[in-house]
Each structure stands twice: as C-alpha cells, then as structure tokens.
Amino acid sequence: MAQTRSDRLFSHLGVPGDDIPQIKQILGLHAATVLVLALLLLGCGFSYLFIPYAVGALLVSFNLLVLARLVPQLVFEQTGAVFALLFSFYLRLAFTGGVLFAAIYIVQLNALGLLLGLSTILASFVAWGGMVLVSRKQKEA
C-alpha cells in the first residue's frame, strides 16, 4: 500500500500512527485548526495578531507533538515511565514558560494573539471529541 503525504510526514516526525490512528487524527485536526484560524486572522484584517498567534500555535503544536511521540512509547514500559513522563512534563513546562515570558515581557507580543494561538489545542480536542461522539452515534444507529 502506498504511503500518503501525511503518512510520510508523520513517519518523518516520528509519530506512531499505524497502531494508534487516533494520534494521527488529533494531529491532523490540530494542523487544520491552526491553518484555518491563521487564514481567518489574515482574511479578517487582524494581521497584527498573526505573529503572536503563530508563536502560540507553534508552542502548543510542539508540546502536542512531543506528547504524541512520548506517550505511546511509555505505555508499554515496565519501569521508569512515570519519571520519564514527569520529567518531560516539567521540561516542556519550563520551556513553554520561558518562551511565553520572552514573548510577552521582552518582545512584547500581543497577549490576545498569543492566547488565540495557545487555545488552538483546546479547539482541536473539542473538535476531535465531537468527531468521536458523532462516529459512535453513527455506529449505534
């Protein structure tokens, strides 16, 4: 079976997707959410929010990608999984805090744009949850 472009991208990023297709769904939905909101910002004349939005969206996309690669590996580990997960969490938390501090205090990016970018992860998970609910309702019917 031929690999699609998204399959090649996910394998290049190291995302396991053959055994856990929901990870690909979430990442694909997140990418679509980020792109649609970026186009809406630019199309509606809010171009001054685009750079802060992009910083926030890239930050949560990085965190989501790290989780998508790490959690499936840790599920089957017998020892050390909790420590690895906590270490990764606090490392990403420190990195995210540092980037947000620099973006708000040093570079003085618009906080509303940053918040819009950071909220893309929430919108992606709400949309994914809706997709799961709709697919379950269709299977029951």
C-alpha atoms as a PDB file:
ATOM      1  CA  MET A   1       0.000   0.000   0.000  1.00  0.00           C
ATOM      2  CA  ALA A   2       1.361   3.406  -0.984  1.00  0.00           C
ATOM      3  CA  GLN A   3       2.067   5.933   1.737  1.00  0.00           C
ATOM      4  CA  THR A   4       0.151   9.176   1.603  1.00  0.00           C
ATOM      5  CA  ARG A   5       1.836  12.521   2.052  1.00  0.00           C
ATOM      6  CA  SER A   6       0.555  12.824   5.629  1.00  0.00           C
ATOM      7  CA  ASP A   7       1.811   9.301   6.446  1.00  0.00           C
ATOM      8  CA  ARG A   8       5.277  10.258   5.222  1.00  0.00           C
ATOM      9  CA  LEU A   9       5.182  13.484   7.244  1.00  0.00           C
ATOM     10  CA  PHE A  10       4.112  11.674  10.415  1.00  0.00           C
ATOM     11  CA  SER A  11       6.752   8.983   9.969  1.00  0.00           C
ATOM     12  CA  HIS A  12       9.374  11.685   9.393  1.00  0.00           C
ATOM     13  CA  LEU A  13       8.296  13.395  12.631  1.00  0.00           C
ATOM     14  CA  GLY A  14       8.469  10.085  14.472  1.00  0.00           C
ATOM     15  CA  VAL A  15       4.769   9.911  15.281  1.00  0.00           C
ATOM     16  CA  PRO A  16       3.433   6.377  15.719  1.00  0.00           C
ATOM     17  CA  GLY A  17       0.250   6.096  13.748  1.00  0.00           C
ATOM     18  CA  ASP A  18      -0.130   2.617  12.359  1.00  0.00           C
ATOM     19  CA  ASP A  19      -1.143   1.098  15.675  1.00  0.00           C
ATOM     20  CA  ILE A  20      -2.832   4.216  17.133  1.00  0.00           C
ATOM     21  CA  PRO A  21      -4.788   6.048  14.378  1.00  0.00           C
ATOM     22  CA  GLN A  22      -6.337   8.486  16.878  1.00  0.00           C
ATOM     23  CA  ILE A  23      -2.952  10.209  17.224  1.00  0.00           C
ATOM     24  CA  LYS A  24      -2.930  10.951  13.515  1.00  0.00           C
ATOM     25  CA  GLN A  25      -6.496  12.222  13.748  1.00  0.00           C
ATOM     26  CA  ILE A  26      -5.691  14.606  16.575  1.00  0.00           C
ATOM     27  CA  LEU A  27      -2.515  15.913  14.933  1.00  0.00           C
ATOM     28  CA  GLY A  28      -4.225  16.350  11.577  1.00  0.00           C
ATOM     29  CA  LEU A  29      -7.180  18.105  13.146  1.00  0.00           C
ATOM     30  CA  HIS A  30      -4.843  20.356  15.116  1.00  0.00           C
ATOM     31  CA  ALA A  31      -2.929  21.301  11.959  1.00  0.00           C
ATOM     32  CA  ALA A  32      -6.202  22.085  10.174  1.00  0.00           C
ATOM     33  CA  THR A  33      -7.409  24.181  13.123  1.00  0.00           C
ATOM     34  CA  VAL A  34      -4.169  26.175  13.196  1.00  0.00           C
ATOM     35  CA  LEU A  35      -4.277  26.828   9.442  1.00  0.00           C
ATOM     36  CA  VAL A  36      -7.969  27.783   9.367  1.00  0.00           C
ATOM     37  CA  LEU A  37      -7.594  30.222  12.258  1.00  0.00           C
ATOM     38  CA  ALA A  38      -4.467  31.717  10.659  1.00  0.00           C
ATOM     39  CA  LEU A  39      -6.343  32.269   7.411  1.00  0.00           C
ATOM     40  CA  LEU A  40      -9.273  33.784   9.314  1.00  0.00           C
ATOM     41  CA  LEU A  41      -6.971  36.196  11.127  1.00  0.00           C
ATOM     42  CA  LEU A  42      -5.340  37.301   7.901  1.00  0.00           C
ATOM     43  CA  GLY A  43      -8.596  37.372   5.930  1.00  0.00           C
ATOM     44  CA  CYS A  44     -10.498  39.422   8.506  1.00  0.00           C
ATOM     45  CA  GLY A  45      -7.829  42.101   8.743  1.00  0.00           C
ATOM     46  CA  PHE A  46      -6.261  41.123  12.049  1.00  0.00           C
ATOM     47  CA  SER A  47      -2.768  40.799  10.609  1.00  0.00           C
ATOM     48  CA  TYR A  48      -1.261  42.465  13.685  1.00  0.00           C
ATOM     49  CA  LEU A  49      -2.306  39.362  15.666  1.00  0.00           C
ATOM     50  CA  PHE A  50      -0.747  36.902  13.229  1.00  0.00           C
ATOM     51  CA  ILE A  51       2.819  36.790  14.619  1.00  0.00           C
ATOM     52  CA  PRO A  52       1.725  36.358  18.269  1.00  0.00           C
ATOM     53  CA  TYR A  53      -0.839  33.786  17.110  1.00  0.00           C
ATOM     54  CA  ALA A  54       1.842  31.883  15.205  1.00  0.00           C
ATOM     55  CA  VAL A  55       4.144  31.850  18.252  1.00  0.00           C
ATOM     56  CA  GLY A  56       1.369  30.480  20.480  1.00  0.00           C
ATOM     57  CA  ALA A  57       0.237  27.927  17.898  1.00  0.00           C
ATOM     58  CA  LEU A  58       3.794  26.706  17.290  1.00  0.00           C
ATOM     59  CA  LEU A  59       4.337  26.383  21.023  1.00  0.00           C
ATOM     60  CA  VAL A  60       1.289  24.184  21.595  1.00  0.00           C
ATOM     61  CA  SER A  61       1.988  22.241  18.398  1.00  0.00           C
ATOM     62  CA  PHE A  62       5.463  21.443  19.690  1.00  0.00           C
ATOM     63  CA  ASN A  63       4.038  20.286  23.023  1.00  0.00           C
ATOM     64  CA  LEU A  64       1.407  18.141  21.292  1.00  0.00           C
ATOM     65  CA  LEU A  65       3.985  16.563  19.001  1.00  0.00           C
ATOM     66  CA  VAL A  66       6.248  15.701  21.946  1.00  0.00           C
ATOM     67  CA  LEU A  67       3.307  14.099  23.742  1.00  0.00           C
ATOM     68  CA  ALA A  68       2.262  12.207  20.612  1.00  0.00           C
ATOM     69  CA  ARG A  69       5.735  10.700  20.372  1.00  0.00           C
ATOM     70  CA  LEU A  70       6.334  10.105  24.082  1.00  0.00           C
ATOM     71  CA  VAL A  71       3.121   8.667  25.499  1.00  0.00           C
ATOM     72  CA  PRO A  72       2.809   5.636  23.163  1.00  0.00           C
ATOM     73  CA  GLN A  73       6.411   4.699  23.989  1.00  0.00           C
ATOM     74  CA  LEU A  74       5.803   4.960  27.724  1.00  0.00           C
ATOM     75  CA  VAL A  75       2.575   2.951  27.756  1.00  0.00           C
ATOM     76  CA  PHE A  76       4.398  -0.350  27.355  1.00  0.00           C
ATOM     77  CA  GLU A  77       7.379   0.397  29.610  1.00  0.00           C
ATOM     78  CA  GLN A  78       7.511  -1.509  32.866  1.00  0.00           C
ATOM     79  CA  THR A  79       9.830   0.746  34.863  1.00  0.00           C
ATOM     80  CA  GLY A  80      10.646   4.431  34.743  1.00  0.00           C
ATOM     81  CA  ALA A  81       7.628   5.532  32.726  1.00  0.00           C
ATOM     82  CA  VAL A  82       6.235   7.830  35.413  1.00  0.00           C
ATOM     83  CA  PHE A  83       9.588   9.525  35.932  1.00  0.00           C
ATOM     84  CA  ALA A  84      10.081   9.984  32.175  1.00  0.00           C
ATOM     85  CA  LEU A  85       6.598  11.437  31.780  1.00  0.00           C
ATOM     86  CA  LEU A  86       7.008  13.823  34.729  1.00  0.00           C
ATOM     87  CA  PHE A  87      10.488  14.864  33.591  1.00  0.00           C
ATOM     88  CA  SER A  88       9.173  15.553  30.098  1.00  0.00           C
ATOM     89  CA  PHE A  89       6.219  17.485  31.535  1.00  0.00           C
ATOM     90  CA  TYR A  90       8.358  19.762  33.708  1.00  0.00           C
ATOM     91  CA  LEU A  91      10.912  20.267  30.945  1.00  0.00           C
ATOM     92  CA  ARG A  92       8.187  21.286  28.491  1.00  0.00           C
ATOM     93  CA  LEU A  93       6.548  23.456  31.166  1.00  0.00           C
ATOM     94  CA  ALA A  94       9.824  25.321  31.777  1.00  0.00           C
ATOM     95  CA  PHE A  95      10.390  25.730  28.027  1.00  0.00           C
ATOM     96  CA  THR A  96       6.819  26.959  27.460  1.00  0.00           C
ATOM     97  CA  GLY A  97       7.065  29.372  30.392  1.00  0.00           C
ATOM     98  CA  GLY A  98      10.370  30.722  29.118  1.00  0.00           C
ATOM     99  CA  VAL A  99       9.035  31.271  25.613  1.00  0.00           C
ATOM    100  CA  LEU A 100       5.884  32.938  26.915  1.00  0.00           C
ATOM    101  CA  PHE A 101       7.905  35.155  29.273  1.00  0.00           C
ATOM    102  CA  ALA A 102      10.164  36.205  26.413  1.00  0.00           C
ATOM    103  CA  ALA A 103       7.225  36.752  24.053  1.00  0.00           C
ATOM    104  CA  ILE A 104       5.211  38.866  26.489  1.00  0.00           C
ATOM    105  CA  TYR A 105       7.840  40.693  28.532  1.00  0.00           C
ATOM    106  CA  ILE A 106      10.870  41.008  26.258  1.00  0.00           C
ATOM    107  CA  VAL A 107       9.425  41.056  22.712  1.00  0.00           C
ATOM    108  CA  GLN A 108       6.081  42.479  23.939  1.00  0.00           C
ATOM    109  CA  LEU A 109       3.856  40.481  21.616  1.00  0.00           C
ATOM    110  CA  ASN A 110       0.126  40.972  21.791  1.00  0.00           C
ATOM    111  CA  ALA A 111      -1.265  38.756  24.566  1.00  0.00           C
ATOM    112  CA  LEU A 112      -4.582  38.263  22.750  1.00  0.00           C
ATOM    113  CA  GLY A 113      -2.778  36.810  19.733  1.00  0.00           C
ATOM    114  CA  LEU A 114      -0.738  34.529  21.976  1.00  0.00           C
ATOM    115  CA  LEU A 115      -3.898  33.377  23.721  1.00  0.00           C
ATOM    116  CA  LEU A 116      -5.563  32.639  20.389  1.00  0.00           C
ATOM    117  CA  GLY A 117      -2.573  30.555  19.342  1.00  0.00           C
ATOM    118  CA  LEU A 118      -2.455  28.698  22.646  1.00  0.00           C
ATOM    119  CA  SER A 119      -6.182  27.973  22.511  1.00  0.00           C
ATOM    120  CA  THR A 120      -5.894  26.077  19.225  1.00  0.00           C
ATOM    121  CA  ILE A 121      -5.113  22.935  21.202  1.00  0.00           C
ATOM    122  CA  LEU A 122      -8.381  23.229  23.118  1.00  0.00           C
ATOM    123  CA  ALA A 123     -10.352  23.820  19.919  1.00  0.00           C
ATOM    124  CA  SER A 124      -8.661  20.796  18.331  1.00  0.00           C
ATOM    125  CA  PHE A 125      -9.550  18.495  21.216  1.00  0.00           C
ATOM    126  CA  VAL A 126     -13.148  19.740  21.348  1.00  0.00           C
ATOM    127  CA  ALA A 127     -13.483  19.116  17.595  1.00  0.00           C
ATOM    128  CA  TRP A 128     -11.883  15.674  17.923  1.00  0.00           C
ATOM    129  CA  GLY A 129     -14.219  14.792  20.796  1.00  0.00           C
ATOM    130  CA  GLY A 130     -17.166  15.847  18.654  1.00  0.00           C
ATOM    131  CA  MET A 131     -15.929  13.652  15.822  1.00  0.00           C
ATOM    132  CA  VAL A 132     -15.637  10.676  18.186  1.00  0.00           C
ATOM    133  CA  LEU A 133     -19.155  11.237  19.544  1.00  0.00           C
ATOM    134  CA  VAL A 134     -20.647  11.536  16.067  1.00  0.00           C
ATOM    135  CA  SER A 135     -18.885   8.389  14.861  1.00  0.00           C
ATOM    136  CA  ARG A 136     -20.132   6.430  17.901  1.00  0.00           C
ATOM    137  CA  LYS A 137     -23.689   7.629  17.331  1.00  0.00           C
ATOM    138  CA  GLN A 138     -23.483   6.518  13.692  1.00  0.00           C
ATOM    139  CA  LYS A 139     -22.189   3.079  14.691  1.00  0.00           C
ATOM    140  CA  GLU A 140     -25.060   2.628  17.147  1.00  0.00           C
ATOM    141  CA  ALA A 141     -27.698   3.576  14.589  1.00  0.00           C
END
